[in-house]
Amino acid sequence: MKQQVLPSVEEVWRERCKELVDALAETIDELHGLLGLDEHHRHGHDPDQLERALGPLAASSLDVGSLSRVLEGSTRSRAMAPERRERVEALIPLLLELRKQWSNAPLDAALIDIDRPDEEIRALAEAHFSRLARVFRAERIAQLEIRSKYEAQLHDAVFAEFTWRELGPGELRLCPPFLVLVNFDTDDGARLHELMWLLESGMPIKALALRSGFHDHHRADSDIRVPARMTVETLPLAMRGVYFLQATLTAQNFREHMLAALASPRPSVISILGPRNDESDDAFVARAERAVRARAFPMCVYDPDRDERFVNCFDLSGNPSLENLWTTEALPGLDSEDQPTEVQEAFTFAHFAASESELASELDELPANTGIPVPLVEFLELTRPQRVGKTPFIWVAGSDGNAVRKSVGRSLVLQCAERMHLWRTFQELAGVDNPYVNASQIALRRELSAERDAQLESLRREMEDKALQREKTAVTNAVRRLVARLSGAAMNP
């Protein structure tokens, strides 16, 4: 899996290095131009320089000596002070050295496995960003010199203490990334703890959290109603300043999302689902699609810089059926009269597990003498006392192609519950299914409904009054016409 991810990382690394090198080259050219202009200000008035510049005109029509004396004062006054010229001349070899360093900088030096000691990783990251700080320190000084804004009394002290922590977001986006590889297929809890410890340093480290499977271990006494474990997806809740991306290698716009995460000026965690060893491309594509549908691996982007409001920083658009807790699938089966039919089933983590060799053992034939069988999605909503004596089950496709019931083991139930609660949390954070929003919508609908009913009632009464008035007028006119006809009298209009 590492081989599928690294090409994108290497591409970003090369692009960032090239951008640094190009910026340094441009600054070096500007400093050379500055020195050339200063040379002109110092010696452009000399008779021999003027004579060479004016050509034949100098000997035939001008007194070069007089012209030199006239220009001397004005040109010399624009020359750089000696101490400034010394600073500029010292900057050029420094920038040339930095350009050479980053022209051939290898990615290997900034690609570290999390299995190395924590203090060693931090030290290597600090060294990496300190090298980058040298580049931007020199760039800032050079740009101040080019614009005649460098003041030694002010800026010498500032740049003497300059570190990578003084870099702005724009500069951090240009930095070649420092990457930590984290394999989440084993011992998730310990690795997540180590990762969080690294992220707490504040360094803009990019962590590649690689996963190919979903085998997990839960305590037997864990409560499915209140998950207590920390997972990689809950990092944005605990560390709001960390950029988080979770996606499969097959996801649409995966490369674009990954480049954005690597370019973020913040610490970033890029959680990636990739293929197992020797897994074919087609098999992985199908497995990744099922993992996303089952909420086993929800797609998510959390960008702290997208908006000031926490909930607006989440993007769940890569997931199917955003508004629903589960997606569904149709399974072939037989009705009570043994006629072919379809069973509509919520597609949970347990359904996904049925096709995973590492998890399938948690599913078994539903014994005849088992407790009261309850569909898994209903079982997950029960309280602990309500679950006593009940056995959760799911419908899956049997060997003959028809749907059969399978009991779900305790560990798999816990994983289903964890995934369910995580997805609900994501929905609430993204505003898709927020209880406060829902309550406000219900209250607003009731208010609008009551207002509409009152308007309709008022309109009904008004129409009834008008109809009654028209009826009375019609009756009166009819009586008058009848009387006139019977009496033979002419009826007044």
Protein backbone atom coordinates (compact mmCIF):
# COMPACT_ATOMS: atom_id res chain seq x y z
CA MET A 1 0.00 0.00 0.00
CA LYS A 2 2.87 2.32 0.76
CA GLN A 3 3.91 2.05 -2.88
CA GLN A 4 0.50 3.36 -4.04
CA VAL A 5 0.65 6.43 -1.77
CA LEU A 6 4.28 7.55 -2.09
CA PRO A 7 4.16 8.68 -5.76
CA SER A 8 1.72 11.49 -4.84
CA VAL A 9 3.86 12.41 -1.85
CA GLU A 10 7.02 12.48 -3.96
CA GLU A 11 5.28 14.66 -6.52
CA VAL A 12 4.36 17.21 -3.84
CA TRP A 13 7.89 17.03 -2.44
CA ARG A 14 9.45 17.76 -5.83
CA GLU A 15 7.02 20.59 -6.55
CA ARG A 16 7.72 22.27 -3.21
CA CYS A 17 11.48 21.91 -3.60
CA LYS A 18 11.29 23.38 -7.11
CA GLU A 19 9.23 26.31 -5.87
CA LEU A 20 11.85 27.02 -3.18
CA VAL A 21 14.69 26.75 -5.67
CA ASP A 22 12.93 29.02 -8.17
CA ALA A 23 12.20 31.61 -5.48
CA LEU A 24 15.84 31.55 -4.35
CA ALA A 25 17.08 31.90 -7.94
CA GLU A 26 14.80 34.88 -8.54
CA THR A 27 15.99 36.56 -5.34
CA ILE A 28 19.65 35.97 -6.26
CA ASP A 29 19.05 37.63 -9.64
CA GLU A 30 17.40 40.60 -7.92
CA LEU A 31 20.37 40.97 -5.56
CA HIS A 32 22.79 40.85 -8.49
CA GLY A 33 20.71 43.53 -10.18
CA LEU A 34 20.79 45.59 -6.99
CA LEU A 35 24.59 45.36 -6.85
CA GLY A 36 24.82 46.25 -10.55
CA LEU A 37 22.71 49.34 -9.98
CA ASP A 38 24.84 50.29 -7.00
CA GLU A 39 27.96 49.85 -9.11
CA HIS A 40 26.48 52.28 -11.62
CA HIS A 41 25.70 54.78 -8.88
CA ARG A 42 29.28 54.52 -7.60
CA HIS A 43 31.20 54.64 -10.86
CA GLY A 44 28.76 55.56 -13.62
CA HIS A 45 29.98 59.18 -13.52
CA ASP A 46 33.69 58.30 -14.03
CA PRO A 47 35.08 59.83 -17.27
CA ASP A 48 36.12 56.48 -18.74
CA GLN A 49 32.71 54.98 -17.97
CA LEU A 50 30.91 57.94 -19.52
CA GLU A 51 33.11 57.87 -22.60
CA ARG A 52 32.39 54.17 -23.17
CA ALA A 53 28.66 54.75 -22.62
CA LEU A 54 28.41 57.78 -24.94
CA GLY A 55 30.58 56.35 -27.73
CA PRO A 56 31.59 58.73 -30.61
CA LEU A 57 29.38 61.49 -29.18
CA ALA A 58 31.69 61.81 -26.17
CA ALA A 59 34.79 62.76 -28.21
CA SER A 60 33.12 65.09 -30.74
CA SER A 61 30.39 66.97 -28.92
CA LEU A 62 30.80 66.77 -25.12
CA ASP A 63 33.25 67.67 -22.42
CA VAL A 64 33.28 64.32 -20.60
CA GLY A 65 35.27 65.66 -17.66
CA SER A 66 32.78 68.45 -16.99
CA LEU A 67 29.87 66.07 -17.33
CA SER A 68 31.55 63.70 -14.85
CA ARG A 69 31.91 66.44 -12.25
CA VAL A 70 28.26 67.46 -12.69
CA LEU A 71 26.96 63.88 -12.26
CA GLU A 72 29.28 62.88 -9.45
CA GLY A 73 27.24 64.32 -6.63
CA SER A 74 23.86 63.02 -7.75
CA THR A 75 25.00 59.48 -8.58
CA ARG A 76 27.11 58.94 -5.48
CA SER A 77 24.26 60.09 -3.23
CA ARG A 78 22.16 57.14 -4.46
CA ALA A 79 24.84 54.51 -3.79
CA MET A 80 24.30 51.97 -1.00
CA ALA A 81 25.85 52.52 2.38
CA PRO A 82 28.95 50.31 2.82
CA GLU A 83 27.38 48.20 5.59
CA ARG A 84 24.30 47.52 3.44
CA ARG A 85 26.44 46.51 0.49
CA GLU A 86 28.34 44.09 2.74
CA ARG A 87 25.09 42.50 3.87
CA VAL A 88 23.87 42.12 0.29
CA GLU A 89 27.17 40.64 -0.86
CA ALA A 90 27.07 38.14 2.03
CA LEU A 91 23.50 37.12 1.20
CA ILE A 92 24.26 35.90 -2.32
CA PRO A 93 26.56 32.98 -1.39
CA LEU A 94 24.14 31.98 1.39
CA LEU A 95 21.23 31.87 -1.04
CA LEU A 96 23.34 29.95 -3.56
CA GLU A 97 24.15 27.37 -0.88
CA LEU A 98 20.48 27.03 0.08
CA ARG A 99 19.47 26.68 -3.55
CA LYS A 100 21.97 23.85 -4.00
CA GLN A 101 20.73 22.08 -0.85
CA TRP A 102 17.10 22.06 -1.90
CA SER A 103 17.82 21.29 -5.55
CA ASN A 104 18.90 17.78 -4.56
CA ALA A 105 17.03 17.31 -1.27
CA PRO A 106 15.93 13.64 -0.93
CA LEU A 107 12.47 12.74 0.34
CA ASP A 108 13.88 9.89 2.45
CA ALA A 109 15.23 12.33 5.03
CA ALA A 110 11.69 13.63 5.68
CA LEU A 111 9.82 10.28 5.58
CA ILE A 112 9.82 8.62 9.00
CA ASP A 113 8.06 5.55 10.38
CA ILE A 114 6.22 6.07 13.66
CA ASP A 115 7.91 2.95 15.08
CA ARG A 116 11.02 5.06 15.69
CA PRO A 117 11.36 6.62 19.17
CA ASP A 118 9.08 9.61 19.70
CA GLU A 119 11.86 11.96 20.76
CA GLU A 120 13.88 11.01 17.69
CA ILE A 121 10.95 11.77 15.37
CA ARG A 122 10.44 15.14 17.02
CA ALA A 123 14.12 15.96 16.74
CA LEU A 124 14.16 15.04 13.03
CA ALA A 125 11.05 17.12 12.39
CA GLU A 126 12.54 20.07 14.26
CA ALA A 127 15.72 19.80 12.17
CA HIS A 128 13.67 19.63 8.94
CA PHE A 129 11.68 22.77 9.72
CA SER A 130 14.77 24.57 11.01
CA ARG A 131 16.43 24.02 7.61
CA LEU A 132 13.36 25.51 5.97
CA ALA A 133 13.44 28.42 8.41
CA ARG A 134 16.96 29.25 7.13
CA VAL A 135 15.53 29.54 3.61
CA PHE A 136 12.69 31.87 4.56
CA ARG A 137 14.88 33.87 6.93
CA ALA A 138 17.32 34.56 4.09
CA GLU A 139 14.45 35.30 1.71
CA ARG A 140 12.86 37.80 4.08
CA ILE A 141 16.16 39.60 4.70
CA ALA A 142 16.91 39.70 0.97
CA GLN A 143 13.50 41.15 0.12
CA LEU A 144 13.93 43.83 2.78
CA GLU A 145 17.34 44.71 1.34
CA ILE A 146 16.00 44.82 -2.22
CA ARG A 147 13.32 47.29 -1.10
CA SER A 148 15.70 49.32 1.07
CA LYS A 149 13.64 48.43 4.14
CA TYR A 150 16.22 46.56 6.22
CA GLU A 151 17.15 48.42 9.39
CA ALA A 152 20.02 46.77 11.22
CA GLN A 153 19.07 48.11 14.65
CA LEU A 154 15.57 46.64 14.33
CA HIS A 155 15.92 43.58 12.12
CA ASP A 156 19.21 42.11 13.36
CA ALA A 157 17.58 41.19 16.68
CA VAL A 158 14.43 39.91 14.99
CA PHE A 159 16.23 37.56 12.63
CA ALA A 160 18.74 36.42 15.25
CA GLU A 161 15.89 34.55 16.98
CA PHE A 162 14.08 33.52 13.79
CA THR A 163 12.69 29.93 13.79
CA TRP A 164 10.11 28.02 11.77
CA ARG A 165 7.47 29.13 14.28
CA GLU A 166 7.67 32.64 12.76
CA LEU A 167 6.68 31.33 9.33
CA GLY A 168 3.33 32.51 8.01
CA PRO A 169 0.64 30.28 6.49
CA GLY A 170 1.74 31.16 2.95
CA GLU A 171 5.34 30.19 3.70
CA LEU A 172 4.29 26.96 5.42
CA ARG A 173 2.28 25.98 2.34
CA LEU A 174 5.50 26.18 0.32
CA CYS A 175 7.42 23.92 2.68
CA PRO A 176 8.28 20.40 1.51
CA PRO A 177 6.34 18.19 3.97
CA PHE A 178 7.74 16.17 6.85
CA LEU A 179 5.87 12.86 6.81
CA VAL A 180 5.25 10.20 9.44
CA LEU A 181 3.98 6.80 8.29
CA VAL A 182 1.49 5.13 10.64
CA ASN A 183 0.21 1.60 10.05
CA PHE A 184 -3.23 1.32 11.63
CA ASP A 185 -3.74 -2.35 10.84
CA THR A 186 -2.25 -3.33 14.20
CA ASP A 187 -2.50 -1.91 17.72
CA ASP A 188 -4.62 1.10 16.80
CA GLY A 189 -4.83 2.50 20.32
CA ALA A 190 -1.08 2.69 20.96
CA ARG A 191 -0.35 4.15 17.52
CA LEU A 192 -3.09 6.74 17.89
CA HIS A 193 -1.63 7.78 21.25
CA GLU A 194 1.84 8.16 19.69
CA LEU A 195 0.41 10.13 16.78
CA MET A 196 -1.44 12.55 19.04
CA TRP A 197 1.72 13.10 21.07
CA LEU A 198 3.55 14.10 17.88
CA LEU A 199 0.73 16.39 16.74
CA GLU A 200 0.74 18.17 20.09
CA SER A 201 4.18 19.55 19.23
CA GLY A 202 2.48 22.06 16.93
CA MET A 203 4.86 21.27 14.09
CA PRO A 204 3.07 21.02 10.72
CA ILE A 205 3.80 17.29 10.49
CA LYS A 206 1.88 15.29 7.87
CA ALA A 207 0.85 11.86 9.17
CA LEU A 208 -0.07 9.18 6.63
CA ALA A 209 -2.36 6.80 8.52
CA LEU A 210 -2.48 3.69 6.34
CA ARG A 211 -5.11 0.99 6.77
CA SER A 212 -5.97 -2.09 4.74
CA GLY A 213 -8.16 -4.07 7.18
CA PHE A 214 -10.69 -3.60 9.96
CA HIS A 215 -9.92 -6.24 12.55
CA ASP A 216 -10.30 -4.66 15.96
CA HIS A 217 -10.31 -5.57 19.62
CA HIS A 218 -12.91 -4.34 22.10
CA ARG A 219 -13.27 -4.99 25.79
CA ALA A 220 -15.97 -7.53 26.55
CA ASP A 221 -17.69 -5.15 28.99
CA SER A 222 -17.89 -2.25 26.52
CA ASP A 223 -21.30 -0.66 26.19
CA ILE A 224 -22.68 -0.38 22.67
CA ARG A 225 -24.80 2.61 23.73
CA VAL A 226 -21.85 4.74 24.86
CA PRO A 227 -18.63 4.07 22.89
CA ALA A 228 -15.63 5.09 24.98
CA ARG A 229 -12.78 4.51 22.53
CA MET A 230 -10.81 7.17 20.72
CA THR A 231 -10.49 6.51 16.98
CA VAL A 232 -8.53 8.25 14.26
CA GLU A 233 -11.76 9.76 12.89
CA THR A 234 -12.45 11.54 16.19
CA LEU A 235 -9.15 13.46 16.07
CA PRO A 236 -10.85 16.68 14.86
CA LEU A 237 -12.96 16.64 18.02
CA ALA A 238 -9.93 16.37 20.28
CA MET A 239 -7.49 18.45 18.20
CA ARG A 240 -9.44 21.11 16.34
CA GLY A 241 -6.34 22.68 14.83
CA VAL A 242 -5.39 19.53 12.91
CA TYR A 243 -6.34 19.12 9.24
CA PHE A 244 -7.98 15.72 8.73
CA LEU A 245 -8.65 13.77 5.55
CA GLN A 246 -10.07 10.26 5.32
CA ALA A 247 -10.46 8.68 1.90
CA THR A 248 -9.89 5.50 -0.06
CA LEU A 249 -7.29 5.28 -2.79
CA THR A 250 -10.14 4.74 -5.25
CA ALA A 251 -12.12 7.81 -4.16
CA GLN A 252 -13.01 10.45 -6.68
CA ASN A 253 -10.68 13.46 -6.41
CA PHE A 254 -8.44 11.51 -3.99
CA ARG A 255 -5.28 13.08 -5.41
CA GLU A 256 -6.73 16.58 -5.21
CA HIS A 257 -7.78 16.10 -1.58
CA MET A 258 -4.43 14.62 -0.64
CA LEU A 259 -2.49 17.49 -2.22
CA ALA A 260 -4.65 19.95 -0.25
CA ALA A 261 -3.91 18.09 3.00
CA LEU A 262 -0.17 18.01 2.29
CA ALA A 263 -0.20 21.74 1.49
CA SER A 264 -2.06 22.75 4.64
CA PRO A 265 0.00 25.00 6.94
CA ARG A 266 -1.31 22.96 9.88
CA PRO A 267 -0.48 19.52 11.21
CA SER A 268 -2.38 17.05 9.04
CA VAL A 269 -3.62 13.48 9.36
CA ILE A 270 -4.35 11.69 6.08
CA SER A 271 -6.21 8.45 6.79
CA ILE A 272 -6.13 6.18 3.75
CA LEU A 273 -7.76 2.84 3.01
CA GLY A 274 -5.63 0.84 0.60
CA PRO A 275 -5.38 -2.70 -0.76
CA ARG A 276 -4.04 -5.70 1.08
CA ASN A 277 -0.90 -7.40 -0.10
CA ASP A 278 -1.58 -9.26 -3.36
CA GLU A 279 -5.14 -7.92 -3.57
CA SER A 280 -6.21 -7.26 -7.15
CA ASP A 281 -7.32 -3.79 -8.21
CA ASP A 282 -10.87 -4.93 -8.97
CA ALA A 283 -11.21 -6.71 -5.62
CA PHE A 284 -9.99 -3.64 -3.74
CA VAL A 285 -12.31 -1.28 -5.62
CA ALA A 286 -15.30 -3.47 -4.65
CA ARG A 287 -14.13 -3.77 -1.04
CA ALA A 288 -13.50 -0.04 -0.68
CA GLU A 289 -16.97 0.74 -2.04
CA ARG A 290 -18.55 -1.65 0.47
CA ALA A 291 -16.49 -0.19 3.33
CA VAL A 292 -17.74 3.32 2.56
CA ARG A 293 -21.35 2.17 2.15
CA ALA A 294 -21.25 0.31 5.47
CA ARG A 295 -19.92 3.40 7.35
CA ALA A 296 -16.86 1.27 8.14
CA PHE A 297 -14.66 3.93 6.55
CA PRO A 298 -16.60 7.20 6.20
CA MET A 299 -15.12 9.72 3.81
CA CYS A 300 -14.40 13.00 5.53
CA VAL A 301 -12.51 16.27 5.13
CA TYR A 302 -12.03 18.56 8.13
CA ASP A 303 -10.30 21.83 7.27
CA PRO A 304 -9.93 24.22 10.25
CA ASP A 305 -9.22 27.10 7.86
CA ARG A 306 -12.42 26.67 5.83
CA ASP A 307 -14.60 28.63 8.26
CA GLU A 308 -14.55 30.14 11.72
CA ARG A 309 -17.44 27.90 12.78
CA PHE A 310 -16.52 24.36 13.69
CA VAL A 311 -19.43 22.65 11.94
CA ASN A 312 -18.74 24.41 8.64
CA CYS A 313 -15.27 22.87 8.50
CA PHE A 314 -16.63 19.35 7.82
CA ASP A 315 -17.29 17.90 4.39
CA LEU A 316 -19.00 14.50 4.10
CA SER A 317 -19.97 14.83 0.44
CA GLY A 318 -17.99 11.73 -0.58
CA ASN A 319 -20.40 9.41 1.26
CA PRO A 320 -23.59 7.84 -0.13
CA SER A 321 -26.99 8.53 1.47
CA LEU A 322 -25.78 11.39 3.66
CA GLU A 323 -29.16 11.92 5.30
CA ASN A 324 -29.58 8.29 6.36
CA LEU A 325 -27.99 6.34 9.17
CA TRP A 326 -27.40 3.30 6.94
CA THR A 327 -27.44 2.62 3.25
CA THR A 328 -29.56 -0.31 2.06
CA GLU A 329 -29.25 -3.27 -0.28
CA ALA A 330 -31.75 -5.71 -1.76
CA LEU A 331 -31.18 -9.41 -1.11
CA PRO A 332 -32.98 -12.24 -2.97
CA GLY A 333 -35.20 -14.41 -0.75
CA LEU A 334 -38.45 -16.34 -0.43
CA ASP A 335 -41.73 -15.15 1.04
CA SER A 336 -44.07 -17.16 3.33
CA GLU A 337 -45.35 -19.06 0.31
CA ASP A 338 -41.84 -19.86 -0.94
CA GLN A 339 -42.16 -17.37 -3.77
CA PRO A 340 -39.09 -15.34 -4.87
CA THR A 341 -38.96 -11.89 -3.31
CA GLU A 342 -36.44 -9.24 -2.22
CA VAL A 343 -35.37 -8.50 1.33
CA GLN A 344 -34.52 -4.82 1.89
CA GLU A 345 -31.71 -4.79 4.43
CA ALA A 346 -29.77 -1.96 6.10
CA PHE A 347 -26.14 -2.34 5.04
CA THR A 348 -24.20 -2.18 8.33
CA PHE A 349 -20.64 -2.87 9.32
CA ALA A 350 -21.71 -6.46 10.03
CA HIS A 351 -22.86 -6.89 6.42
CA PHE A 352 -19.50 -5.59 5.25
CA ALA A 353 -17.77 -7.99 7.66
CA ALA A 354 -19.51 -10.96 6.01
CA SER A 355 -17.18 -10.55 3.02
CA GLU A 356 -14.04 -9.95 5.10
CA SER A 357 -12.04 -13.08 5.96
CA GLU A 358 -10.72 -11.52 9.18
CA LEU A 359 -14.23 -10.72 10.42
CA ALA A 360 -16.51 -13.37 8.90
CA SER A 361 -15.98 -15.73 11.88
CA GLU A 362 -18.06 -13.31 13.99
CA LEU A 363 -21.11 -14.32 11.94
CA ASP A 364 -22.75 -17.73 12.39
CA GLU A 365 -25.87 -19.66 11.56
CA LEU A 366 -28.71 -18.58 13.82
CA PRO A 367 -29.19 -21.49 16.27
CA ALA A 368 -32.67 -22.89 16.73
CA ASN A 369 -32.51 -22.64 20.54
CA THR A 370 -31.12 -19.11 20.61
CA GLY A 371 -32.66 -16.18 22.42
CA ILE A 372 -35.24 -13.96 20.81
CA PRO A 373 -33.79 -13.04 17.38
CA VAL A 374 -33.75 -9.28 16.78
CA PRO A 375 -32.52 -7.47 13.64
CA LEU A 376 -29.14 -5.89 14.33
CA VAL A 377 -30.24 -2.31 13.59
CA GLU A 378 -33.02 -2.68 16.18
CA PHE A 379 -30.71 -4.38 18.68
CA LEU A 380 -28.28 -1.44 18.50
CA GLU A 381 -31.02 0.93 19.67
CA LEU A 382 -31.92 -1.13 22.76
CA THR A 383 -30.76 -0.33 26.27
CA ARG A 384 -28.62 -2.84 28.17
CA PRO A 385 -31.60 -4.36 30.11
CA GLN A 386 -33.62 -4.59 26.90
CA ARG A 387 -30.86 -6.59 25.17
CA VAL A 388 -31.00 -9.41 27.74
CA GLY A 389 -32.22 -12.65 26.15
CA LYS A 390 -32.04 -11.28 22.61
CA THR A 391 -29.74 -12.31 19.75
CA PRO A 392 -28.90 -9.80 17.00
CA PHE A 393 -28.95 -11.06 13.43
CA ILE A 394 -28.57 -9.82 9.87
CA TRP A 395 -29.69 -11.09 6.49
CA VAL A 396 -26.89 -12.03 4.09
CA ALA A 397 -26.77 -13.89 0.79
CA GLY A 398 -26.48 -17.66 1.38
CA SER A 399 -24.67 -20.28 -0.71
CA ASP A 400 -27.78 -20.76 -2.87
CA GLY A 401 -28.07 -17.02 -3.50
CA ASN A 402 -31.07 -16.54 -1.22
CA ALA A 403 -31.03 -14.44 1.94
CA VAL A 404 -30.27 -16.26 5.19
CA ARG A 405 -30.10 -15.04 8.79
CA LYS A 406 -26.75 -14.87 10.59
CA SER A 407 -26.20 -14.16 14.26
CA VAL A 408 -23.73 -11.36 15.03
CA GLY A 409 -20.96 -11.91 17.60
CA ARG A 410 -20.34 -9.58 20.54
CA SER A 411 -17.14 -8.04 19.13
CA LEU A 412 -18.77 -7.32 15.78
CA VAL A 413 -21.79 -5.76 17.49
CA LEU A 414 -19.44 -3.40 19.33
CA GLN A 415 -17.73 -2.40 16.09
CA CYS A 416 -21.12 -1.82 14.45
CA ALA A 417 -22.15 0.38 17.37
CA GLU A 418 -18.92 2.34 17.21
CA ARG A 419 -19.31 2.98 13.47
CA MET A 420 -22.97 3.92 13.94
CA HIS A 421 -22.22 6.47 16.67
CA LEU A 422 -19.31 7.87 14.69
CA TRP A 423 -21.50 8.40 11.62
CA ARG A 424 -24.21 10.04 13.71
CA THR A 425 -21.60 12.37 15.18
CA PHE A 426 -20.36 13.26 11.71
CA GLN A 427 -23.93 13.92 10.55
CA GLU A 428 -24.54 16.24 13.48
CA LEU A 429 -21.25 18.09 13.01
CA ALA A 430 -21.86 18.54 9.29
CA GLY A 431 -25.41 19.77 9.95
CA VAL A 432 -26.94 16.85 8.03
CA ASP A 433 -28.87 15.46 11.02
CA ASN A 434 -28.38 17.89 13.88
CA PRO A 435 -30.97 17.49 16.67
CA TYR A 436 -31.03 21.22 17.42
CA VAL A 437 -31.54 22.06 13.76
CA ASN A 438 -34.22 19.38 13.50
CA ALA A 439 -36.03 20.70 16.60
CA SER A 440 -35.92 24.24 15.19
CA GLN A 441 -37.29 23.03 11.87
CA ILE A 442 -40.13 21.17 13.59
CA ALA A 443 -40.98 24.23 15.70
CA LEU A 444 -40.87 26.47 12.62
CA ARG A 445 -43.09 24.06 10.68
CA ARG A 446 -45.59 24.03 13.54
CA GLU A 447 -45.54 27.81 13.76
CA LEU A 448 -45.98 28.21 10.01
CA SER A 449 -48.65 25.51 9.99
CA ALA A 450 -50.57 27.23 12.79
CA GLU A 451 -50.28 30.58 11.00
CA ARG A 452 -51.40 29.02 7.73
CA ASP A 453 -54.36 27.28 9.43
CA ALA A 454 -55.39 30.57 11.03
CA GLN A 455 -55.22 32.33 7.65
CA LEU A 456 -57.21 29.55 6.00
CA GLU A 457 -59.83 29.68 8.77
CA SER A 458 -60.12 33.46 8.40
CA LEU A 459 -60.43 33.13 4.63
CA ARG A 460 -63.06 30.39 5.02
CA ARG A 461 -65.14 32.54 7.37
CA GLU A 462 -64.84 35.53 5.03
CA MET A 463 -65.94 33.43 2.07
CA GLU A 464 -68.84 31.94 4.07
CA ASP A 465 -69.98 35.44 5.13
CA LYS A 466 -69.81 36.63 1.52
CA ALA A 467 -71.65 33.54 0.32
CA LEU A 468 -74.35 34.05 2.97
CA GLN A 469 -74.73 37.71 1.97
CA ARG A 470 -75.01 36.75 -1.71
CA GLU A 471 -77.59 34.10 -0.79
CA LYS A 472 -79.70 36.62 1.17
CA THR A 473 -79.53 39.14 -1.69
CA ALA A 474 -80.54 36.47 -4.20
CA VAL A 475 -83.51 35.37 -2.05
CA THR A 476 -84.66 38.97 -1.61
CA ASN A 477 -84.48 39.64 -5.34
CA ALA A 478 -86.31 36.39 -6.12
CA VAL A 479 -89.15 37.28 -3.73
CA ARG A 480 -89.44 40.75 -5.22
CA ARG A 481 -89.61 39.37 -8.76
CA LEU A 482 -92.22 36.78 -7.68
CA VAL A 483 -94.41 39.44 -6.01
CA ALA A 484 -94.14 41.70 -9.03
CA ARG A 485 -95.10 38.90 -11.38
CA LEU A 486 -98.08 37.87 -9.26
CA SER A 487 -99.33 41.42 -8.76
CA GLY A 488 -98.58 42.51 -12.28
CA ALA A 489 -96.64 45.46 -10.93
CA ALA A 490 -93.40 46.61 -12.53
CA MET A 491 -90.34 45.76 -10.36
CA ASN A 492 -87.97 48.60 -9.70
CA PRO A 493 -84.39 47.88 -10.72
